[in-house]
Amino acid sequence: MVDDPYEIILDHLRDLRAGQHGVDERLDRIEKRLGNVDRQLAGFRNDLAILHQMYADHRDEFGDLRERVALIERRLGLTDAPAEH
């Protein structure tokens, strides 16, 4: 006996629907993971901005300390005489 063509088509459509359901579930998981990656990346960017600001602050502080040490050395006469040309 030959199968009814409509039943064959319906079976194929059911199989396609089941396969699509699996794809949809995987896509949902991927979207959730991507959302987590986006949040982590935003956190890293924020941390990097904070570190950059801290570096700039420390660089300025070290520059100030260098100037203060140089001033103390000059006042105490601890600096070498400048080379004469």
C-alpha atoms as a PDB file:
ATOM      1  CA  MET A   1       0.000   0.000   0.000  1.00  0.00           C
ATOM      2  CA  VAL A   2       1.249   3.484  -0.898  1.00  0.00           C
ATOM      3  CA  ASP A   3       1.392   6.052   1.922  1.00  0.00           C
ATOM      4  CA  ASP A   4      -0.850   9.040   1.637  1.00  0.00           C
ATOM      5  CA  PRO A   5       1.228  11.984   0.252  1.00  0.00           C
ATOM      6  CA  TYR A   6      -0.368  14.344   2.762  1.00  0.00           C
ATOM      7  CA  GLU A   7       0.739  12.146   5.648  1.00  0.00           C
ATOM      8  CA  ILE A   8       4.275  12.032   4.248  1.00  0.00           C
ATOM      9  CA  ILE A   9       4.317  15.815   4.012  1.00  0.00           C
ATOM     10  CA  LEU A  10       2.878  16.168   7.527  1.00  0.00           C
ATOM     11  CA  ASP A  11       5.531  13.801   8.898  1.00  0.00           C
ATOM     12  CA  HIS A  12       8.267  15.866   7.261  1.00  0.00           C
ATOM     13  CA  LEU A  13       6.761  19.078   8.623  1.00  0.00           C
ATOM     14  CA  ARG A  14       6.636  17.576  12.128  1.00  0.00           C
ATOM     15  CA  ASP A  15      10.280  16.558  11.833  1.00  0.00           C
ATOM     16  CA  LEU A  16      11.189  20.057  10.667  1.00  0.00           C
ATOM     17  CA  ARG A  17       9.259  21.586  13.567  1.00  0.00           C
ATOM     18  CA  ALA A  18      11.060  19.326  16.056  1.00  0.00           C
ATOM     19  CA  GLY A  19      14.416  20.234  14.540  1.00  0.00           C
ATOM     20  CA  GLN A  20      13.535  23.919  14.639  1.00  0.00           C
ATOM     21  CA  HIS A  21      12.616  23.603  18.307  1.00  0.00           C
ATOM     22  CA  GLY A  22      16.136  22.284  19.038  1.00  0.00           C
ATOM     23  CA  VAL A  23      17.678  25.148  17.094  1.00  0.00           C
ATOM     24  CA  ASP A  24      15.525  27.651  19.003  1.00  0.00           C
ATOM     25  CA  GLU A  25      16.634  26.192  22.341  1.00  0.00           C
ATOM     26  CA  ARG A  26      20.307  26.371  21.345  1.00  0.00           C
ATOM     27  CA  LEU A  27      19.870  29.939  20.132  1.00  0.00           C
ATOM     28  CA  ASP A  28      18.278  30.901  23.457  1.00  0.00           C
ATOM     29  CA  ARG A  29      21.257  29.443  25.340  1.00  0.00           C
ATOM     30  CA  ILE A  30      23.693  31.263  23.054  1.00  0.00           C
ATOM     31  CA  GLU A  31      21.858  34.567  23.545  1.00  0.00           C
ATOM     32  CA  LYS A  32      21.992  34.148  27.330  1.00  0.00           C
ATOM     33  CA  ARG A  33      25.713  33.377  27.218  1.00  0.00           C
ATOM     34  CA  LEU A  34      26.321  36.353  24.944  1.00  0.00           C
ATOM     35  CA  GLY A  35      24.445  38.570  27.387  1.00  0.00           C
ATOM     36  CA  ASN A  36      26.733  37.342  30.167  1.00  0.00           C
ATOM     37  CA  VAL A  37      29.799  38.043  28.021  1.00  0.00           C
ATOM     38  CA  ASP A  38      28.503  41.553  27.283  1.00  0.00           C
ATOM     39  CA  ARG A  39      28.046  42.253  31.002  1.00  0.00           C
ATOM     40  CA  GLN A  40      31.512  40.931  31.803  1.00  0.00           C
ATOM     41  CA  LEU A  41      33.052  43.022  29.036  1.00  0.00           C
ATOM     42  CA  ALA A  42      31.315  46.132  30.375  1.00  0.00           C
ATOM     43  CA  GLY A  43      32.752  45.332  33.803  1.00  0.00           C
ATOM     44  CA  PHE A  44      36.242  44.916  32.349  1.00  0.00           C
ATOM     45  CA  ARG A  45      35.946  48.238  30.561  1.00  0.00           C
ATOM     46  CA  ASN A  46      34.916  49.903  33.803  1.00  0.00           C
ATOM     47  CA  ASP A  47      37.812  48.278  35.653  1.00  0.00           C
ATOM     48  CA  LEU A  48      40.216  49.384  32.929  1.00  0.00           C
ATOM     49  CA  ALA A  49      38.984  52.972  33.162  1.00  0.00           C
ATOM     50  CA  ILE A  50      39.497  52.911  36.928  1.00  0.00           C
ATOM     51  CA  LEU A  51      43.009  51.467  36.544  1.00  0.00           C
ATOM     52  CA  HIS A  52      43.845  54.079  33.936  1.00  0.00           C
ATOM     53  CA  GLN A  53      42.760  56.856  36.288  1.00  0.00           C
ATOM     54  CA  MET A  54      44.729  55.318  39.162  1.00  0.00           C
ATOM     55  CA  TYR A  55      47.830  55.129  36.932  1.00  0.00           C
ATOM     56  CA  ALA A  56      47.461  58.792  35.996  1.00  0.00           C
ATOM     57  CA  ASP A  57      47.026  59.771  39.647  1.00  0.00           C
ATOM     58  CA  HIS A  58      50.097  57.790  40.715  1.00  0.00           C
ATOM     59  CA  ARG A  59      52.163  59.187  37.871  1.00  0.00           C
ATOM     60  CA  ASP A  60      51.286  62.712  39.020  1.00  0.00           C
ATOM     61  CA  GLU A  61      52.055  61.851  42.641  1.00  0.00           C
ATOM     62  CA  PHE A  62      55.463  60.405  41.717  1.00  0.00           C
ATOM     63  CA  GLY A  63      56.210  63.509  39.687  1.00  0.00           C
ATOM     64  CA  ASP A  64      55.384  65.653  42.710  1.00  0.00           C
ATOM     65  CA  LEU A  65      57.567  63.468  44.939  1.00  0.00           C
ATOM     66  CA  ARG A  66      60.477  63.779  42.514  1.00  0.00           C
ATOM     67  CA  GLU A  67      60.184  67.559  42.632  1.00  0.00           C
ATOM     68  CA  ARG A  68      60.014  67.576  46.423  1.00  0.00           C
ATOM     69  CA  VAL A  69      63.051  65.293  46.755  1.00  0.00           C
ATOM     70  CA  ALA A  70      64.979  67.516  44.327  1.00  0.00           C
ATOM     71  CA  LEU A  71      64.037  70.588  46.383  1.00  0.00           C
ATOM     72  CA  ILE A  72      65.158  68.903  49.619  1.00  0.00           C
ATOM     73  CA  GLU A  73      68.434  67.841  48.009  1.00  0.00           C
ATOM     74  CA  ARG A  74      69.089  71.396  46.792  1.00  0.00           C
ATOM     75  CA  ARG A  75      68.320  72.868  50.216  1.00  0.00           C
ATOM     76  CA  LEU A  76      70.627  70.391  51.911  1.00  0.00           C
ATOM     77  CA  GLY A  77      73.316  70.863  49.308  1.00  0.00           C
ATOM     78  CA  LEU A  78      73.202  67.226  48.277  1.00  0.00           C
ATOM     79  CA  THR A  79      73.030  67.834  44.550  1.00  0.00           C
ATOM     80  CA  ASP A  80      76.005  67.631  42.250  1.00  0.00           C
ATOM     81  CA  ALA A  81      77.143  70.878  40.762  1.00  0.00           C
ATOM     82  CA  PRO A  82      75.881  71.246  37.214  1.00  0.00           C
ATOM     83  CA  ALA A  83      78.460  70.428  34.577  1.00  0.00           C
ATOM     84  CA  GLU A  84      80.101  73.466  33.079  1.00  0.00           C
ATOM     85  CA  HIS A  85      80.376  73.763  29.351  1.00  0.00           C
END
